[in-house]
N, C-alpha and C. Protein backbone atom coordinates (compact mmCIF):
# COMPACT_ATOMS: atom_id res chain seq x y z
N MET A 1 -24.74 -41.47 6.70
CA MET A 1 -25.87 -40.68 5.97
C MET A 1 -26.58 -39.60 6.78
N GLU A 2 -27.01 -39.78 8.09
CA GLU A 2 -27.53 -39.03 8.67
C GLU A 2 -26.75 -37.76 9.26
N ILE A 3 -25.48 -37.90 9.27
CA ILE A 3 -24.58 -36.64 9.59
C ILE A 3 -24.55 -35.83 8.35
N LEU A 4 -24.40 -36.24 7.21
CA LEU A 4 -24.58 -35.72 5.85
C LEU A 4 -25.79 -34.84 5.72
N LEU A 5 -26.97 -35.45 6.32
CA LEU A 5 -28.03 -34.69 6.11
C LEU A 5 -28.00 -33.46 6.96
N ILE A 6 -27.72 -33.74 8.26
CA ILE A 6 -27.40 -32.67 9.29
C ILE A 6 -26.80 -31.50 8.79
N ILE A 7 -25.46 -31.91 8.06
CA ILE A 7 -24.48 -30.88 7.43
C ILE A 7 -25.20 -30.06 6.58
N TYR A 8 -25.97 -30.60 5.68
CA TYR A 8 -26.76 -29.93 4.65
C TYR A 8 -27.74 -29.06 5.27
N ILE A 9 -28.43 -29.55 6.25
CA ILE A 9 -29.38 -28.73 6.85
C ILE A 9 -28.69 -27.45 7.56
N LEU A 10 -27.70 -27.50 8.07
CA LEU A 10 -27.06 -26.47 8.94
C LEU A 10 -26.55 -25.43 7.61
N VAL A 11 -26.00 -26.10 6.62
CA VAL A 11 -25.35 -25.14 5.73
C VAL A 11 -26.56 -24.46 5.07
N PHE A 12 -27.79 -25.21 4.67
CA PHE A 12 -29.11 -24.30 4.37
C PHE A 12 -29.48 -23.28 5.29
N ILE A 13 -29.31 -23.51 6.51
CA ILE A 13 -29.67 -22.45 7.61
C ILE A 13 -28.87 -21.29 7.50
N LEU A 14 -27.58 -21.61 7.31
CA LEU A 14 -26.46 -20.59 7.37
C LEU A 14 -26.85 -19.71 6.24
N PHE A 15 -26.88 -20.21 5.14
CA PHE A 15 -27.18 -19.47 3.78
C PHE A 15 -28.41 -18.61 4.06
N ALA A 16 -29.51 -19.37 4.58
CA ALA A 16 -30.74 -18.49 4.90
C ALA A 16 -30.71 -17.34 5.59
N LEU A 17 -29.71 -17.50 6.94
CA LEU A 17 -29.55 -16.33 7.71
C LEU A 17 -28.79 -15.26 7.00
N ILE A 18 -27.90 -15.67 6.27
CA ILE A 18 -27.09 -14.55 5.41
C ILE A 18 -28.08 -13.93 4.45
N LEU A 19 -28.75 -14.76 3.69
CA LEU A 19 -29.71 -14.05 2.88
C LEU A 19 -30.80 -13.00 3.44
N TYR A 20 -31.34 -13.49 4.80
CA TYR A 20 -32.17 -12.72 5.54
C TYR A 20 -31.48 -11.58 5.77
N ALA A 21 -30.32 -11.32 6.39
CA ALA A 21 -29.52 -10.43 6.86
C ALA A 21 -29.37 -9.45 5.63
N ILE A 22 -29.11 -9.80 4.46
CA ILE A 22 -28.94 -9.11 3.27
C ILE A 22 -30.16 -8.49 3.03
N ILE A 23 -31.21 -9.28 3.04
CA ILE A 23 -32.50 -8.62 2.63
C ILE A 23 -32.90 -7.50 3.49
N GLN A 24 -32.58 -7.57 4.85
CA GLN A 24 -33.03 -6.69 5.94
C GLN A 24 -31.96 -5.44 5.68
N ILE A 25 -30.75 -5.60 5.47
CA ILE A 25 -30.10 -4.26 5.06
C ILE A 25 -30.50 -3.60 3.86
N LYS A 26 -30.90 -4.42 2.79
CA LYS A 26 -31.44 -3.55 1.63
C LYS A 26 -32.83 -3.13 1.92
N LEU A 27 -33.58 -3.69 2.60
CA LEU A 27 -34.97 -3.04 3.12
C LEU A 27 -34.79 -1.49 3.69
N LEU A 28 -33.56 -1.49 4.53
CA LEU A 28 -33.26 -0.25 5.17
C LEU A 28 -32.80 0.89 4.22
N GLY A 29 -32.41 0.32 3.05
CA GLY A 29 -32.00 1.21 1.92
C GLY A 29 -30.54 1.46 1.96
N ILE A 30 -29.91 0.50 2.59
CA ILE A 30 -28.29 0.61 2.66
C ILE A 30 -27.79 -0.41 1.66
N LYS A 31 -26.60 0.04 1.01
CA LYS A 31 -25.83 -0.73 0.05
C LYS A 31 -24.98 -1.44 0.90
N ILE A 32 -24.85 -3.02 0.49
CA ILE A 32 -24.06 -3.95 1.38
C ILE A 32 -22.72 -3.28 1.52
N ARG A 33 -22.02 -2.71 0.46
CA ARG A 33 -20.75 -2.31 0.44
C ARG A 33 -20.63 -1.22 1.69
N ASP A 34 -21.75 -0.29 1.55
CA ASP A 34 -21.57 0.75 2.70
C ASP A 34 -21.76 0.27 4.13
N PHE A 35 -22.54 -0.75 4.09
CA PHE A 35 -22.58 -1.35 5.58
C PHE A 35 -21.57 -2.28 5.98
N TRP A 36 -20.81 -2.60 5.10
CA TRP A 36 -19.32 -3.33 5.58
C TRP A 36 -18.48 -2.31 5.71
N GLY A 37 -18.63 -1.23 5.06
CA GLY A 37 -17.58 -0.04 5.35
C GLY A 37 -17.89 0.61 6.67
N PHE A 38 -19.21 0.39 7.09
CA PHE A 38 -19.63 0.91 8.48
C PHE A 38 -19.01 -0.06 9.50
N ILE A 39 -19.18 -1.38 9.32
CA ILE A 39 -18.66 -2.24 10.25
C ILE A 39 -17.00 -2.06 10.38
N GLU A 40 -16.36 -2.12 9.34
CA GLU A 40 -15.06 -1.57 9.57
C GLU A 40 -14.61 -0.26 10.13
N ALA A 41 -15.55 0.69 9.92
CA ALA A 41 -15.12 2.03 10.46
C ALA A 41 -15.58 1.90 11.85
N ASN A 42 -16.48 1.03 12.34
CA ASN A 42 -16.80 0.78 13.83
C ASN A 42 -15.72 0.28 14.55
N GLU A 43 -14.93 -0.56 14.04
CA GLU A 43 -13.60 -1.08 14.42
C GLU A 43 -12.65 0.04 14.62
N MET A 44 -12.50 0.76 13.72
CA MET A 44 -11.60 1.63 13.63
C MET A 44 -11.85 2.92 14.56
N LEU A 45 -13.08 3.12 14.84
CA LEU A 45 -13.54 4.19 15.74
C LEU A 45 -13.20 3.62 17.14
N ASP A 46 -13.20 2.50 17.48
CA ASP A 46 -12.79 2.08 18.84
C ASP A 46 -11.22 2.26 19.09
N LYS A 47 -10.45 2.07 18.02
CA LYS A 47 -9.21 2.50 18.03
C LYS A 47 -8.88 3.89 18.18
N LEU A 48 -9.39 4.73 17.27
CA LEU A 48 -9.15 6.17 17.42
C LEU A 48 -9.76 6.70 18.66
N TYR A 49 -10.82 6.17 19.34
CA TYR A 49 -11.28 6.49 20.68
C TYR A 49 -10.35 6.46 21.61
N LYS A 50 -9.54 5.14 21.74
CA LYS A 50 -8.67 4.86 22.65
C LYS A 50 -7.48 5.84 22.57
N PHE A 51 -6.98 6.04 21.20
CA PHE A 51 -6.07 6.93 20.84
C PHE A 51 -6.23 8.44 21.22
N ALA A 52 -7.49 8.81 21.05
CA ALA A 52 -7.81 10.16 21.44
C ALA A 52 -7.84 10.33 22.91
N ILE A 53 -8.10 9.47 23.52
CA ILE A 53 -8.20 9.60 25.15
C ILE A 53 -6.65 9.29 25.77
N GLN A 54 -5.92 8.70 25.12
CA GLN A 54 -4.47 8.40 25.74
C GLN A 54 -3.42 9.44 25.28
N TYR A 55 -3.67 9.92 24.13
CA TYR A 55 -2.64 10.80 23.85
C TYR A 55 -3.06 12.28 23.49
N GLN A 56 -2.69 13.24 24.51
CA GLN A 56 -3.12 14.45 24.37
C GLN A 56 -2.20 15.42 23.46
N LYS A 57 -0.97 14.96 23.20
CA LYS A 57 -0.13 15.67 22.12
C LYS A 57 0.24 14.45 21.23
N MET A 58 0.25 15.08 20.02
CA MET A 58 0.56 14.10 18.92
C MET A 58 1.55 14.97 18.00
N SER A 59 2.38 14.16 17.42
CA SER A 59 3.29 14.87 16.38
C SER A 59 2.53 15.28 15.17
N PRO A 60 3.21 15.96 14.44
CA PRO A 60 2.58 16.44 13.29
C PRO A 60 2.18 14.99 12.33
N GLN A 61 3.01 14.13 12.21
CA GLN A 61 2.76 12.96 11.40
C GLN A 61 1.40 12.11 11.99
N GLU A 62 1.48 12.08 13.36
CA GLU A 62 0.37 11.32 14.02
C GLU A 62 -0.95 12.05 13.85
N GLN A 63 -0.85 13.41 13.78
CA GLN A 63 -1.89 14.29 13.53
C GLN A 63 -2.61 14.17 12.12
N VAL A 64 -1.81 13.98 11.28
CA VAL A 64 -2.14 13.59 9.70
C VAL A 64 -2.85 12.24 9.60
N ILE A 65 -2.14 11.31 10.34
CA ILE A 65 -2.76 10.04 10.17
C ILE A 65 -4.12 9.87 10.85
N TYR A 66 -4.25 10.61 12.16
CA TYR A 66 -5.48 10.59 12.93
C TYR A 66 -6.65 11.31 12.05
N LEU A 67 -6.24 12.38 11.44
CA LEU A 67 -7.25 13.11 10.59
C LEU A 67 -7.84 12.27 9.55
N SER A 68 -6.74 11.58 8.81
CA SER A 68 -7.19 10.87 7.59
C SER A 68 -8.20 9.66 8.09
N GLU A 69 -7.84 9.05 9.20
CA GLU A 69 -8.61 8.04 9.46
C GLU A 69 -9.89 8.21 10.10
N ALA A 70 -9.95 9.51 10.81
CA ALA A 70 -11.19 9.88 11.42
C ALA A 70 -12.06 10.40 10.22
N GLU A 71 -11.57 10.98 9.00
CA GLU A 71 -12.39 11.28 7.93
C GLU A 71 -13.16 10.05 7.33
N LYS A 72 -12.36 8.95 7.15
CA LYS A 72 -12.91 7.83 6.66
C LYS A 72 -14.04 7.17 7.46
N ILE A 73 -13.97 7.43 8.77
CA ILE A 73 -14.75 6.82 9.73
C ILE A 73 -16.28 7.70 9.52
N PHE A 74 -16.03 9.00 9.59
CA PHE A 74 -17.02 9.99 9.30
C PHE A 74 -17.80 9.75 8.01
N THR A 75 -17.06 9.42 7.01
CA THR A 75 -17.75 9.26 5.62
C THR A 75 -18.65 7.92 5.75
N ALA A 76 -17.83 6.98 6.52
CA ALA A 76 -18.64 5.47 6.57
C ALA A 76 -19.99 5.41 7.37
N PHE A 77 -19.81 6.52 8.44
CA PHE A 77 -20.91 6.46 9.36
C PHE A 77 -22.10 7.39 8.90
N ASP A 78 -21.77 8.28 7.91
CA ASP A 78 -22.63 9.06 7.15
C ASP A 78 -23.63 8.51 6.30
N LYS A 79 -23.08 7.17 5.84
CA LYS A 79 -23.72 6.32 4.82
C LYS A 79 -24.89 5.49 5.45
N VAL A 80 -24.97 5.45 6.66
CA VAL A 80 -25.65 4.46 7.30
C VAL A 80 -26.83 5.28 8.21
N PRO A 81 -27.94 4.75 8.55
CA PRO A 81 -28.89 5.62 9.30
C PRO A 81 -28.26 5.70 10.86
N LYS A 82 -28.53 6.72 11.42
CA LYS A 82 -28.04 7.05 12.71
C LYS A 82 -28.50 6.14 13.98
N GLU A 83 -29.69 5.37 13.71
CA GLU A 83 -30.33 4.31 14.48
C GLU A 83 -29.22 3.21 14.53
N LEU A 84 -28.41 3.11 13.72
CA LEU A 84 -27.48 1.99 13.84
C LEU A 84 -26.38 1.95 14.81
N TRP A 85 -25.95 3.30 14.95
CA TRP A 85 -24.72 3.70 15.67
C TRP A 85 -25.06 4.47 16.82
N ASP A 86 -26.24 4.50 17.54
CA ASP A 86 -26.53 5.22 18.63
C ASP A 86 -25.74 4.76 19.91
N GLU A 87 -25.30 3.54 20.04
CA GLU A 87 -24.38 3.11 20.92
C GLU A 87 -23.12 3.71 21.16
N GLU A 88 -22.78 3.93 19.69
CA GLU A 88 -21.21 4.39 19.49
C GLU A 88 -21.25 5.83 19.48
N TYR A 89 -22.27 6.48 19.71
CA TYR A 89 -22.27 8.16 19.61
C TYR A 89 -21.37 8.74 20.59
N GLU A 90 -21.18 8.33 21.71
CA GLU A 90 -20.13 9.05 22.69
C GLU A 90 -18.68 8.77 22.19
N LYS A 91 -18.44 7.60 21.61
CA LYS A 91 -17.07 7.59 20.91
C LYS A 91 -16.78 8.26 19.77
N TYR A 92 -17.85 8.37 18.94
CA TYR A 92 -18.05 9.19 17.80
C TYR A 92 -17.91 10.61 18.17
N LYS A 93 -18.43 11.07 19.16
CA LYS A 93 -18.32 12.54 19.54
C LYS A 93 -17.01 12.86 20.05
N GLN A 94 -16.31 11.80 20.88
CA GLN A 94 -14.99 12.30 21.41
C GLN A 94 -14.04 12.10 20.31
N VAL A 95 -14.19 11.33 19.18
CA VAL A 95 -13.34 11.24 18.11
C VAL A 95 -13.51 12.64 17.31
N LEU A 96 -14.68 13.02 17.14
CA LEU A 96 -14.86 14.23 16.45
C LEU A 96 -14.30 15.44 17.16
N LYS A 97 -14.54 15.50 18.42
CA LYS A 97 -13.94 16.59 19.31
C LYS A 97 -12.41 16.60 19.05
N LYS A 98 -11.65 15.53 19.11
CA LYS A 98 -10.30 15.57 18.98
C LYS A 98 -9.92 15.88 17.54
N TYR A 99 -10.82 15.45 16.58
CA TYR A 99 -10.58 15.84 15.33
C TYR A 99 -10.54 17.17 15.14
N ASN A 100 -11.71 17.87 15.62
CA ASN A 100 -11.73 19.40 15.50
C ASN A 100 -10.56 20.08 16.24
N ASP A 101 -10.16 19.64 17.29
CA ASP A 101 -9.06 20.13 18.08
C ASP A 101 -7.76 20.24 17.22
N ILE A 102 -7.52 19.08 16.66
CA ILE A 102 -6.32 18.97 15.57
C ILE A 102 -6.58 19.83 14.56
N LYS A 103 -7.52 20.02 13.98
CA LYS A 103 -7.74 20.92 12.78
C LYS A 103 -7.63 22.28 13.30
N MET A 104 -8.22 22.67 14.41
CA MET A 104 -8.02 24.19 14.90
C MET A 104 -6.62 24.30 15.20
N LEU A 105 -5.90 23.34 15.76
CA LEU A 105 -4.40 23.65 16.24
C LEU A 105 -3.65 23.76 14.94
N ARG A 106 -3.87 23.02 13.94
CA ARG A 106 -3.14 22.88 12.80
C ARG A 106 -3.46 24.39 11.83
N TRP A 107 -4.71 24.71 12.03
CA TRP A 107 -5.23 25.94 11.28
C TRP A 107 -4.26 27.23 11.90
N VAL A 108 -4.51 27.23 13.21
CA VAL A 108 -3.87 28.40 14.04
C VAL A 108 -2.27 28.23 13.83
N SER A 109 -1.69 27.15 13.67
CA SER A 109 -0.07 27.06 13.48
C SER A 109 0.36 27.44 12.08
N ASN A 110 -0.54 27.14 11.23
CA ASN A 110 -0.15 27.76 9.76
C ASN A 110 -0.62 29.29 9.56
């Protein structure tokens, strides 16, 4: 019986923490869907950052994929306050630089 009571208390605490997090996100004026998109974009930012550093030359197909993924990241990051992603600014800047380089390269080649 005591174990069941402990489990109920832990589940209640878990739900209370989730509710508290949702309230804090809402108080910042962010939609939950936008915040979740930001979390997913943050993971993709890490991948694109590594890709931008490793690969100096990309095939046209890789460039198109990189551009589309980078645009998704930029859109997600624009929906949340900049204070949330100050730590990721250097990665964001590197991905943006590579994005601009590819756009310029594709513009000159056309």
